[in-house]
Amino acid sequence: MNIKPGDIYEDCAYHPCLCVGATEHDVWGVSLIDGSQPRSCDIQSCGVRLLSVAEAWQIKMSGPNDPDVLASIPSAGRWWR
């Protein structure tokens, strides 16, 4: 996966993040949900994926798209409520 600074990615906690740095194996950035940082993930093992601006906004407002993922996030961690 080719992630570079300025891209938006979904981290392993399902936060859309603005990438501020990346190597061949790792990516780190700032959460577009709560501003937390650094949001660091291993590109191969964390399930990182690139997002469009529209996808990032949808996740911020309604939570992750996958119903199984949505159900797996505890109530206290649901930023969209």
N, C-alpha and C. Protein backbone atom coordinates (compact mmCIF):
# COMPACT_ATOMS: atom_id res chain seq x y z
N MET A 1 0.86 -1.18 0.00
CA MET A 1 0.00 0.00 0.00
C MET A 1 0.90 1.23 0.00
N ASN A 2 0.55 2.19 -0.78
CA ASN A 2 1.35 3.40 -0.91
C ASN A 2 0.63 4.56 -0.22
N ILE A 3 0.87 4.73 1.09
CA ILE A 3 0.29 5.85 1.84
C ILE A 3 1.37 6.91 1.99
N LYS A 4 0.96 8.16 1.79
CA LYS A 4 1.92 9.26 1.90
C LYS A 4 1.29 10.40 2.70
N PRO A 5 2.12 11.30 3.24
CA PRO A 5 1.58 12.44 3.97
C PRO A 5 0.54 13.19 3.12
N GLY A 6 -0.57 13.53 3.81
CA GLY A 6 -1.68 14.21 3.14
C GLY A 6 -2.82 13.27 2.81
N ASP A 7 -2.55 11.95 2.75
CA ASP A 7 -3.61 10.97 2.50
C ASP A 7 -4.47 10.81 3.76
N ILE A 8 -5.68 10.33 3.58
CA ILE A 8 -6.56 10.00 4.69
C ILE A 8 -6.65 8.48 4.74
N TYR A 9 -6.44 7.92 5.93
CA TYR A 9 -6.50 6.47 6.10
C TYR A 9 -7.35 6.13 7.31
N GLU A 10 -7.82 4.89 7.37
CA GLU A 10 -8.54 4.39 8.53
C GLU A 10 -7.57 3.55 9.34
N ASP A 11 -7.41 3.89 10.63
CA ASP A 11 -6.48 3.14 11.47
C ASP A 11 -7.16 1.91 12.06
N CYS A 12 -6.44 1.17 12.89
CA CYS A 12 -6.98 -0.08 13.44
C CYS A 12 -8.06 0.14 14.48
N ALA A 13 -8.27 1.38 14.92
CA ALA A 13 -9.39 1.71 15.82
C ALA A 13 -10.54 2.34 15.03
N TYR A 14 -10.47 2.26 13.70
CA TYR A 14 -11.50 2.73 12.79
C TYR A 14 -11.66 4.25 12.77
N HIS A 15 -10.63 4.97 13.21
CA HIS A 15 -10.64 6.42 13.10
C HIS A 15 -10.12 6.81 11.72
N PRO A 16 -10.81 7.71 11.03
CA PRO A 16 -10.20 8.30 9.84
C PRO A 16 -9.08 9.23 10.32
N CYS A 17 -7.92 9.14 9.70
CA CYS A 17 -6.75 9.90 10.13
C CYS A 17 -6.09 10.58 8.94
N LEU A 18 -5.52 11.76 9.21
CA LEU A 18 -4.71 12.44 8.22
C LEU A 18 -3.28 11.96 8.40
N CYS A 19 -2.71 11.38 7.36
CA CYS A 19 -1.34 10.87 7.42
C CYS A 19 -0.36 12.03 7.48
N VAL A 20 0.57 11.96 8.45
CA VAL A 20 1.65 12.94 8.53
C VAL A 20 3.01 12.30 8.28
N GLY A 21 3.04 10.96 8.24
CA GLY A 21 4.29 10.26 7.95
C GLY A 21 4.05 8.79 7.68
N ALA A 22 4.93 8.21 6.88
CA ALA A 22 4.79 6.79 6.55
C ALA A 22 6.13 6.24 6.09
N THR A 23 6.30 4.96 6.38
CA THR A 23 7.43 4.20 5.83
C THR A 23 6.81 3.05 5.05
N GLU A 24 7.64 2.15 4.60
CA GLU A 24 7.14 0.98 3.88
C GLU A 24 6.24 0.12 4.78
N HIS A 25 6.47 0.17 6.10
CA HIS A 25 5.77 -0.71 7.03
C HIS A 25 4.82 -0.01 7.99
N ASP A 26 5.02 1.26 8.27
CA ASP A 26 4.24 1.97 9.28
C ASP A 26 3.65 3.26 8.74
N VAL A 27 2.54 3.67 9.37
CA VAL A 27 1.91 4.94 9.04
C VAL A 27 1.53 5.61 10.35
N TRP A 28 1.61 6.94 10.41
CA TRP A 28 1.17 7.66 11.59
C TRP A 28 0.53 8.96 11.16
N GLY A 29 -0.41 9.41 12.00
CA GLY A 29 -1.13 10.62 11.65
C GLY A 29 -1.95 11.15 12.81
N VAL A 30 -2.94 11.98 12.46
CA VAL A 30 -3.80 12.65 13.42
C VAL A 30 -5.24 12.21 13.16
N SER A 31 -5.94 11.81 14.24
CA SER A 31 -7.33 11.39 14.11
C SER A 31 -8.21 12.56 13.68
N LEU A 32 -9.07 12.31 12.70
CA LEU A 32 -10.05 13.32 12.29
C LEU A 32 -11.32 13.22 13.13
N ILE A 33 -11.32 12.31 14.10
CA ILE A 33 -12.44 12.19 15.05
C ILE A 33 -12.19 13.10 16.25
N ASP A 34 -11.04 12.95 16.90
CA ASP A 34 -10.82 13.67 18.15
C ASP A 34 -9.47 14.40 18.23
N GLY A 35 -8.71 14.40 17.15
CA GLY A 35 -7.43 15.10 17.13
C GLY A 35 -6.30 14.36 17.84
N SER A 36 -6.56 13.15 18.33
CA SER A 36 -5.50 12.41 19.02
C SER A 36 -4.39 12.05 18.03
N GLN A 37 -3.17 12.00 18.58
CA GLN A 37 -2.00 11.70 17.76
C GLN A 37 -0.83 11.35 18.63
N PRO A 38 0.13 10.62 18.15
CA PRO A 38 0.15 10.03 16.82
C PRO A 38 -0.70 8.76 16.77
N ARG A 39 -1.43 8.60 15.71
CA ARG A 39 -2.23 7.40 15.45
C ARG A 39 -1.37 6.51 14.56
N SER A 40 -0.63 5.58 15.17
CA SER A 40 0.35 4.76 14.46
C SER A 40 -0.17 3.36 14.21
N CYS A 41 0.08 2.84 13.02
CA CYS A 41 -0.35 1.49 12.66
C CYS A 41 0.71 0.83 11.79
N ASP A 42 0.78 -0.49 11.89
CA ASP A 42 1.56 -1.30 10.99
C ASP A 42 0.71 -1.52 9.74
N ILE A 43 1.21 -1.14 8.60
CA ILE A 43 0.42 -1.19 7.38
C ILE A 43 -0.03 -2.61 7.04
N GLN A 44 0.82 -3.60 7.26
CA GLN A 44 0.47 -4.97 6.90
C GLN A 44 -0.48 -5.64 7.89
N SER A 45 -0.34 -5.40 9.18
CA SER A 45 -1.11 -6.18 10.15
C SER A 45 -2.29 -5.45 10.79
N CYS A 46 -2.43 -4.16 10.58
CA CYS A 46 -3.51 -3.42 11.24
C CYS A 46 -4.76 -3.23 10.39
N GLY A 47 -4.76 -3.63 9.15
CA GLY A 47 -5.94 -3.44 8.32
C GLY A 47 -6.14 -2.00 7.87
N VAL A 48 -5.05 -1.25 7.80
CA VAL A 48 -5.10 0.14 7.34
C VAL A 48 -5.66 0.19 5.92
N ARG A 49 -6.54 1.16 5.67
CA ARG A 49 -7.02 1.36 4.30
C ARG A 49 -7.14 2.85 4.01
N LEU A 50 -6.93 3.19 2.75
CA LEU A 50 -7.09 4.57 2.31
C LEU A 50 -8.57 4.92 2.26
N LEU A 51 -8.89 6.19 2.56
CA LEU A 51 -10.26 6.66 2.54
C LEU A 51 -10.37 7.89 1.65
N SER A 52 -11.54 8.07 1.07
CA SER A 52 -11.84 9.33 0.39
C SER A 52 -12.31 10.32 1.46
N VAL A 53 -12.37 11.59 1.12
CA VAL A 53 -12.89 12.59 2.05
C VAL A 53 -14.33 12.25 2.42
N ALA A 54 -15.13 11.82 1.45
CA ALA A 54 -16.53 11.46 1.71
C ALA A 54 -16.64 10.28 2.67
N GLU A 55 -15.78 9.27 2.51
CA GLU A 55 -15.79 8.12 3.43
C GLU A 55 -15.39 8.55 4.84
N ALA A 56 -14.38 9.41 4.95
CA ALA A 56 -13.93 9.88 6.27
C ALA A 56 -15.06 10.64 6.96
N TRP A 57 -15.77 11.48 6.23
CA TRP A 57 -16.88 12.24 6.81
C TRP A 57 -18.01 11.30 7.25
N GLN A 58 -18.31 10.31 6.45
CA GLN A 58 -19.37 9.36 6.80
C GLN A 58 -19.01 8.61 8.08
N ILE A 59 -17.75 8.19 8.21
CA ILE A 59 -17.30 7.48 9.41
C ILE A 59 -17.37 8.41 10.62
N LYS A 60 -16.98 9.65 10.46
CA LYS A 60 -17.04 10.61 11.57
C LYS A 60 -18.47 10.80 12.04
N MET A 61 -19.40 10.90 11.12
CA MET A 61 -20.79 11.20 11.47
C MET A 61 -21.60 9.96 11.87
N SER A 62 -21.31 8.79 11.28
CA SER A 62 -22.17 7.62 11.47
C SER A 62 -21.43 6.38 11.96
N GLY A 63 -20.14 6.46 12.12
CA GLY A 63 -19.36 5.29 12.52
C GLY A 63 -18.95 4.46 11.32
N PRO A 64 -18.19 3.40 11.57
CA PRO A 64 -17.71 2.55 10.47
C PRO A 64 -18.87 1.94 9.67
N ASN A 65 -18.61 1.67 8.40
CA ASN A 65 -19.63 1.11 7.50
C ASN A 65 -19.99 -0.34 7.80
N ASP A 66 -19.02 -1.12 8.22
CA ASP A 66 -19.23 -2.55 8.43
C ASP A 66 -20.06 -2.79 9.69
N PRO A 67 -21.24 -3.43 9.57
CA PRO A 67 -22.10 -3.65 10.74
C PRO A 67 -21.42 -4.47 11.84
N ASP A 68 -20.56 -5.43 11.47
CA ASP A 68 -19.85 -6.22 12.48
C ASP A 68 -18.87 -5.36 13.26
N VAL A 69 -18.17 -4.47 12.56
CA VAL A 69 -17.24 -3.55 13.21
C VAL A 69 -18.02 -2.60 14.12
N LEU A 70 -19.12 -2.07 13.61
CA LEU A 70 -19.96 -1.15 14.38
C LEU A 70 -20.38 -1.80 15.69
N ALA A 71 -20.81 -3.04 15.63
CA ALA A 71 -21.27 -3.76 16.82
C ALA A 71 -20.13 -4.08 17.78
N SER A 72 -18.90 -4.16 17.27
CA SER A 72 -17.77 -4.53 18.12
C SER A 72 -17.22 -3.37 18.94
N ILE A 73 -17.61 -2.15 18.62
CA ILE A 73 -17.09 -0.98 19.34
C ILE A 73 -17.96 -0.74 20.57
N PRO A 74 -17.36 -0.75 21.77
CA PRO A 74 -18.14 -0.55 22.99
C PRO A 74 -18.84 0.81 23.00
N SER A 75 -19.94 0.90 23.70
CA SER A 75 -20.73 2.14 23.75
C SER A 75 -19.88 3.36 24.12
N ALA A 76 -18.97 3.20 25.08
CA ALA A 76 -18.14 4.33 25.51
C ALA A 76 -17.21 4.82 24.41
N GLY A 77 -16.91 3.98 23.43
CA GLY A 77 -16.01 4.36 22.34
C GLY A 77 -16.70 4.83 21.08
N ARG A 78 -18.02 4.95 21.12
CA ARG A 78 -18.79 5.36 19.93
C ARG A 78 -18.88 6.87 19.81
N TRP A 79 -17.96 7.43 19.06
CA TRP A 79 -17.87 8.88 18.88
C TRP A 79 -19.05 9.45 18.11
N TRP A 80 -19.76 8.65 17.37
CA TRP A 80 -20.83 9.15 16.51
C TRP A 80 -22.15 9.30 17.24
N ARG A 81 -22.20 9.01 18.53
CA ARG A 81 -23.45 9.16 19.29
C ARG A 81 -23.41 10.36 20.17
